[in-house]
Amino acid sequence: PASSTNVLPGLAPRFIRPAPTSKPMFLYFAPYAPHLPATPEYRYAGRFRNLPPFRPADFNKVTASQPAWLKAMRPLRARGIKFVAKFRRKQYESLISVDTAVKNIVAALGATGRLHDTMIVYASDNGIEWGQHRFPAAIKRTPYDESIRSPLVIRYDPLTPRPTVDHHRVLNTDWAPSWATLAHVAHPNTEGLDFLPLLRPAHGHVPWRKGFLLESWDGSPPTPDPTYCGIRSQRFLYTEYRGGAQELYDLARDPGELHNLVDDPAYRRQLHHLHAVMLHDCRPPPPGFHPH
């Protein structure tokens, strides 16, 4: 796996440079880094030895309002906390190779005159826990933001003349219809939305999703969190687990997802609404899960 991070960066420019500029080109570059074990190149080992500790509000923390399965998680002890720190440092060091690869790909696009009309999408398949909610490093299937949020950076010079940040919720399922639109080809029955309108400067109102479905099955492979379905909206996270436990978080006030609001009367309307949306979208539910 580590060799893919070293070998693919050399192959990508060799693919770009001879490609005919009169025809469309598609390059999918997927290095293994920074996946576990996140082994950096020898020359980068130790580069982040002085990385400060990572201590967000939810680090190694669970509150009384949270579900029983989560409260049953044992706190990380010194050995687990040390592993989180080491793994995070190695991830940073292994990503130096990815940064260099991206630089070389952009340079090859520039050298062949493609950079001005090529869309570059820099993304990831998932987020990851670094000790949050008592989860050890490399856990990534929880419904919490650390797992479900991932980077998405897009450069397309005709639509992105300057850096901007857009807060619409874009999903991996949006990539295909967006690229199809960019290529002027039909994409019938594809899931996802075309995100090109969101790239336009001062785009104004764009009809967009208000939330999206989350689901996980704890049998493939086994996970500490039970099977669940949930909804992540612009402001709230709602989840129902196998067995009936529920969670509701107001992310505007509680970005660490520590204060479960299921029993708070002030949030009863949001709870009922998101529960109904979950029941509608979670069809069919994961095996053995019967939301109610």
Protein backbone atom coordinates (compact mmCIF):
# COMPACT_ATOMS: atom_id res chain seq x y z
CA PRO A 1 0.00 0.00 0.00
CA ALA A 2 2.73 2.49 0.88
CA SER A 3 4.32 1.95 -2.54
CA SER A 4 1.16 3.25 -4.24
CA THR A 5 1.82 6.61 -2.63
CA ASN A 6 5.33 6.61 -4.09
CA VAL A 7 4.74 4.95 -7.49
CA LEU A 8 1.47 6.54 -8.61
CA PRO A 9 2.81 10.13 -8.41
CA GLY A 10 5.33 9.25 -11.10
CA LEU A 11 2.77 7.52 -13.31
CA ALA A 12 0.16 10.31 -13.19
CA PRO A 13 2.24 12.97 -15.03
CA ARG A 14 3.36 10.31 -17.52
CA PHE A 15 -0.31 9.70 -18.26
CA ILE A 16 -1.12 13.40 -18.62
CA ARG A 17 1.75 14.64 -20.79
CA PRO A 18 1.24 12.45 -23.91
CA ALA A 19 -2.57 12.55 -23.80
CA PRO A 20 -3.97 14.31 -26.90
CA THR A 21 -5.04 17.84 -25.97
CA SER A 22 -7.81 17.64 -28.58
CA LYS A 23 -9.67 15.01 -26.52
CA PRO A 24 -11.12 14.96 -23.00
CA MET A 25 -8.97 13.38 -20.32
CA PHE A 26 -9.94 11.78 -17.01
CA LEU A 27 -7.41 10.92 -14.31
CA TYR A 28 -8.36 9.20 -11.05
CA PHE A 29 -5.45 9.40 -8.63
CA ALA A 30 -5.95 7.48 -5.36
CA PRO A 31 -2.85 7.04 -3.19
CA TYR A 32 -3.09 4.81 -0.13
CA ALA A 33 -1.83 7.47 2.26
CA PRO A 34 -2.84 8.39 4.89
CA HIS A 35 -4.59 5.08 5.64
CA LEU A 36 -3.41 2.83 8.47
CA PRO A 37 -0.52 2.14 9.07
CA ALA A 38 0.26 5.55 7.51
CA THR A 39 3.92 4.80 6.85
CA PRO A 40 5.65 7.97 5.65
CA GLU A 41 8.51 8.08 3.21
CA TYR A 42 11.84 7.70 4.98
CA ARG A 43 12.81 11.30 4.22
CA TYR A 44 9.64 12.60 5.91
CA ALA A 45 9.69 10.37 9.00
CA GLY A 46 9.76 12.52 12.11
CA ARG A 47 8.86 15.72 10.26
CA PHE A 48 5.88 16.23 12.63
CA ARG A 49 7.54 14.94 15.79
CA ASN A 50 6.58 18.20 17.56
CA LEU A 51 2.93 18.16 16.49
CA PRO A 52 0.85 19.56 19.39
CA PRO A 53 -1.64 17.19 21.08
CA PHE A 54 -5.12 17.02 19.56
CA ARG A 55 -7.67 17.79 22.25
CA PRO A 56 -11.09 18.85 20.92
CA ALA A 57 -14.00 19.12 23.35
CA ASP A 58 -15.16 15.56 22.63
CA PHE A 59 -11.72 13.93 22.95
CA ASN A 60 -12.07 10.73 25.02
CA LYS A 61 -15.36 12.04 26.37
CA VAL A 62 -18.90 10.67 26.69
CA THR A 63 -21.74 12.34 28.61
CA ALA A 64 -24.64 10.99 30.65
CA SER A 65 -27.17 11.99 27.97
CA GLN A 66 -25.64 9.74 25.32
CA PRO A 67 -26.77 6.18 24.44
CA ALA A 68 -25.89 3.22 26.64
CA TRP A 69 -23.73 1.58 23.95
CA LEU A 70 -21.55 4.72 23.80
CA LYS A 71 -21.35 5.12 27.57
CA ALA A 72 -20.17 1.51 27.73
CA MET A 73 -17.07 2.46 25.72
CA ARG A 74 -14.08 2.43 28.03
CA PRO A 75 -12.07 5.66 28.16
CA LEU A 76 -8.81 5.61 26.28
CA ARG A 77 -5.91 5.08 28.65
CA ALA A 78 -2.35 6.25 28.28
CA ARG A 79 -1.47 3.57 25.71
CA GLY A 80 -4.50 4.35 23.54
CA ILE A 81 -3.93 8.09 23.71
CA LYS A 82 -0.30 7.57 22.74
CA PHE A 83 -1.35 5.47 19.74
CA VAL A 84 -3.78 8.18 18.59
CA ALA A 85 -1.00 10.78 18.74
CA LYS A 86 1.48 8.55 16.90
CA PHE A 87 -0.99 7.58 14.18
CA ARG A 88 -2.04 11.21 13.64
CA ARG A 89 1.60 12.30 13.37
CA LYS A 90 2.35 9.54 10.84
CA GLN A 91 -0.72 10.51 8.81
CA TYR A 92 0.54 14.09 8.57
CA GLU A 93 3.97 12.85 7.51
CA SER A 94 2.59 10.45 4.89
CA LEU A 95 0.46 13.27 3.45
CA ILE A 96 3.58 15.22 2.50
CA SER A 97 4.00 12.71 -0.33
CA VAL A 98 0.40 13.30 -1.40
CA ASP A 99 0.97 17.07 -1.39
CA THR A 100 4.01 16.60 -3.63
CA ALA A 101 2.01 14.36 -5.96
CA VAL A 102 -0.75 16.97 -6.29
CA LYS A 103 1.87 19.61 -7.05
CA ASN A 104 3.33 17.45 -9.83
CA ILE A 105 -0.10 16.71 -11.33
CA VAL A 106 -0.99 20.40 -11.41
CA ALA A 107 2.40 21.15 -12.98
CA ALA A 108 1.81 18.55 -15.70
CA LEU A 109 -1.60 20.04 -16.45
CA GLY A 110 -0.02 23.48 -16.74
CA ALA A 111 2.83 22.27 -18.93
CA THR A 112 0.39 20.69 -21.40
CA GLY A 113 -1.94 23.69 -21.53
CA ARG A 114 -4.80 21.90 -19.77
CA LEU A 115 -4.91 23.69 -16.44
CA HIS A 116 -7.21 26.50 -17.55
CA ASP A 117 -10.06 24.14 -18.48
CA THR A 118 -9.52 21.08 -16.27
CA MET A 119 -11.62 20.48 -13.17
CA ILE A 120 -9.53 19.30 -10.24
CA VAL A 121 -11.47 17.64 -7.41
CA TYR A 122 -9.51 16.92 -4.23
CA ALA A 123 -11.56 14.75 -1.91
CA SER A 124 -11.54 11.80 0.49
CA ASP A 125 -13.71 8.73 0.99
CA ASN A 126 -14.38 9.38 4.68
CA GLY A 127 -13.41 11.24 7.82
CA ILE A 128 -11.86 9.60 10.88
CA GLU A 129 -11.95 9.58 14.66
CA TRP A 130 -8.80 10.70 16.50
CA GLY A 131 -9.88 9.74 19.99
CA GLN A 132 -13.21 11.59 19.92
CA HIS A 133 -16.09 9.97 21.83
CA ARG A 134 -13.55 7.48 23.24
CA PHE A 135 -13.01 5.89 19.84
CA PRO A 136 -9.42 4.92 19.05
CA ALA A 137 -7.74 6.20 15.92
CA ALA A 138 -8.81 4.84 12.52
CA ILE A 139 -12.52 4.39 13.44
CA LYS A 140 -14.61 5.89 10.66
CA ARG A 141 -18.12 4.42 10.58
CA THR A 142 -19.83 6.40 13.33
CA PRO A 143 -22.56 8.94 12.49
CA TYR A 144 -20.56 11.74 14.11
CA ASP A 145 -19.09 14.57 12.08
CA GLU A 146 -15.51 13.36 12.54
CA SER A 147 -16.41 10.29 10.47
CA ILE A 148 -18.89 11.62 7.95
CA ARG A 149 -17.22 14.92 6.99
CA SER A 150 -14.38 14.83 4.50
CA PRO A 151 -12.41 17.45 2.57
CA LEU A 152 -13.67 18.65 -0.79
CA VAL A 153 -11.63 21.21 -2.71
CA ILE A 154 -12.51 22.02 -6.31
CA ARG A 155 -10.57 24.07 -8.83
CA TYR A 156 -12.11 24.85 -12.19
CA ASP A 157 -10.81 28.15 -13.53
CA PRO A 158 -13.88 29.06 -15.63
CA LEU A 159 -16.05 29.01 -12.47
CA THR A 160 -13.60 29.48 -9.58
CA PRO A 161 -11.58 32.62 -10.32
CA ARG A 162 -10.86 33.17 -6.62
CA PRO A 163 -10.96 31.06 -3.42
CA THR A 164 -14.37 30.85 -1.78
CA VAL A 165 -16.05 28.60 0.79
CA ASP A 166 -19.53 27.18 0.19
CA HIS A 167 -21.50 25.62 3.04
CA HIS A 168 -23.94 23.48 1.03
CA ARG A 169 -23.74 19.76 1.87
CA VAL A 170 -22.10 18.05 -1.11
CA LEU A 171 -21.93 14.25 -1.18
CA ASN A 172 -19.70 11.80 -3.03
CA THR A 173 -22.78 10.81 -5.05
CA ASP A 174 -22.75 14.33 -6.53
CA TRP A 175 -19.49 13.84 -8.38
CA ALA A 176 -20.80 11.72 -11.27
CA PRO A 177 -23.76 13.94 -12.28
CA SER A 178 -21.55 17.03 -12.00
CA TRP A 179 -18.89 15.59 -14.28
CA ALA A 180 -21.54 14.38 -16.70
CA THR A 181 -22.95 17.90 -16.90
CA LEU A 182 -19.47 19.28 -17.42
CA ALA A 183 -18.95 16.83 -20.29
CA HIS A 184 -22.38 17.65 -21.80
CA VAL A 185 -23.61 14.06 -21.56
CA ALA A 186 -26.86 12.73 -20.15
CA HIS A 187 -26.92 11.05 -16.75
CA PRO A 188 -30.38 9.51 -16.36
CA ASN A 189 -31.25 7.83 -13.06
CA THR A 190 -28.01 8.77 -11.35
CA GLU A 191 -28.13 9.60 -7.67
CA GLY A 192 -26.76 12.88 -6.45
CA LEU A 193 -26.96 16.49 -7.56
CA ASP A 194 -25.02 18.58 -10.02
CA PHE A 195 -22.80 20.85 -7.91
CA LEU A 196 -21.65 23.09 -10.79
CA PRO A 197 -24.13 25.87 -9.89
CA LEU A 198 -22.51 26.08 -6.45
CA LEU A 199 -19.16 26.90 -8.03
CA ARG A 200 -20.36 30.02 -9.78
CA PRO A 201 -19.32 33.26 -8.03
CA ALA A 202 -22.23 35.02 -6.29
CA HIS A 203 -24.51 32.17 -7.37
CA GLY A 204 -27.41 33.27 -5.17
CA HIS A 205 -30.04 30.74 -4.18
CA VAL A 206 -29.47 27.23 -5.55
CA PRO A 207 -32.15 24.56 -4.87
CA TRP A 208 -30.34 21.99 -2.75
CA ARG A 209 -30.82 19.13 -0.30
CA LYS A 210 -31.78 19.99 3.26
CA GLY A 211 -30.18 16.86 4.67
CA PHE A 212 -28.96 13.40 3.77
CA LEU A 213 -29.27 9.81 4.97
CA LEU A 214 -26.72 8.07 7.14
CA GLU A 215 -26.76 4.31 7.61
CA SER A 216 -24.43 1.63 8.89
CA TRP A 217 -24.61 -2.11 9.46
CA ASP A 218 -22.62 -3.48 12.38
CA GLY A 219 -22.20 -6.91 10.82
CA SER A 220 -19.83 -6.08 7.99
CA PRO A 221 -17.37 -5.97 9.70
CA PRO A 222 -18.50 -5.92 13.35
CA THR A 223 -18.39 -2.45 14.88
CA PRO A 224 -18.83 -1.11 18.42
CA ASP A 225 -21.72 1.12 17.35
CA PRO A 226 -25.01 -0.73 16.65
CA THR A 227 -26.64 -0.68 13.22
CA TYR A 228 -28.25 2.69 12.62
CA CYS A 229 -30.00 5.06 10.27
CA GLY A 230 -29.83 8.80 10.69
CA ILE A 231 -30.23 12.20 9.09
CA ARG A 232 -27.58 14.92 8.94
CA SER A 233 -29.24 18.25 8.20
CA GLN A 234 -27.64 21.66 7.94
CA ARG A 235 -27.87 22.11 11.71
CA PHE A 236 -28.85 18.82 13.33
CA LEU A 237 -27.74 15.20 13.57
CA TYR A 238 -30.44 12.64 14.33
CA THR A 239 -29.73 8.91 14.68
CA GLU A 240 -31.76 5.84 15.65
CA TYR A 241 -29.90 2.64 16.52
CA ARG A 242 -30.95 -0.98 16.52
CA GLY A 243 -32.61 -1.45 19.89
CA GLY A 244 -34.33 1.94 19.82
CA ALA A 245 -31.71 4.33 21.25
CA GLN A 246 -31.83 7.80 19.68
CA GLU A 247 -29.54 10.79 19.45
CA LEU A 248 -30.23 14.42 18.49
CA TYR A 249 -27.52 17.08 18.45
CA ASP A 250 -27.75 20.79 17.71
CA LEU A 251 -24.46 21.28 15.87
CA ALA A 252 -24.72 25.07 15.91
CA ARG A 253 -24.51 25.00 19.71
CA ASP A 254 -22.79 21.67 20.24
CA PRO A 255 -20.30 20.93 17.44
CA GLY A 256 -18.67 18.23 19.57
CA GLU A 257 -21.95 16.25 19.64
CA LEU A 258 -21.89 15.73 23.38
CA HIS A 259 -25.32 16.88 24.57
CA ASN A 260 -28.07 14.53 23.40
CA LEU A 261 -31.34 16.48 23.09
CA VAL A 262 -33.76 13.58 22.60
CA ASP A 263 -35.43 14.27 25.95
CA ASP A 264 -35.33 18.07 25.70
CA PRO A 265 -38.89 19.44 25.16
CA ALA A 266 -37.48 22.49 23.39
CA TYR A 267 -36.32 20.25 20.53
CA ARG A 268 -39.40 18.01 20.28
CA ARG A 269 -40.44 19.44 16.89
CA GLN A 270 -36.99 18.90 15.35
CA LEU A 271 -36.91 15.37 16.79
CA HIS A 272 -40.26 14.39 15.28
CA HIS A 273 -39.42 15.95 11.92
CA LEU A 274 -36.01 14.29 11.54
CA HIS A 275 -37.37 10.97 12.76
CA ALA A 276 -40.06 11.09 10.06
CA VAL A 277 -37.48 11.95 7.40
CA MET A 278 -35.32 9.02 8.57
CA LEU A 279 -38.25 6.61 8.35
CA HIS A 280 -38.96 7.80 4.80
CA ASP A 281 -35.36 7.65 3.57
CA CYS A 282 -34.11 4.54 5.37
CA ARG A 283 -35.85 2.09 3.03
CA PRO A 284 -34.91 -0.67 2.94
CA PRO A 285 -33.17 -0.49 6.32
CA PRO A 286 -29.91 -2.34 7.03
CA PRO A 287 -30.25 -6.07 7.87
CA GLY A 288 -31.82 -6.74 11.26
CA PHE A 289 -32.77 -3.10 11.83
CA HIS A 290 -36.41 -2.12 12.19
CA PRO A 291 -36.72 1.62 12.88
CA HIS A 292 -39.94 2.73 14.54
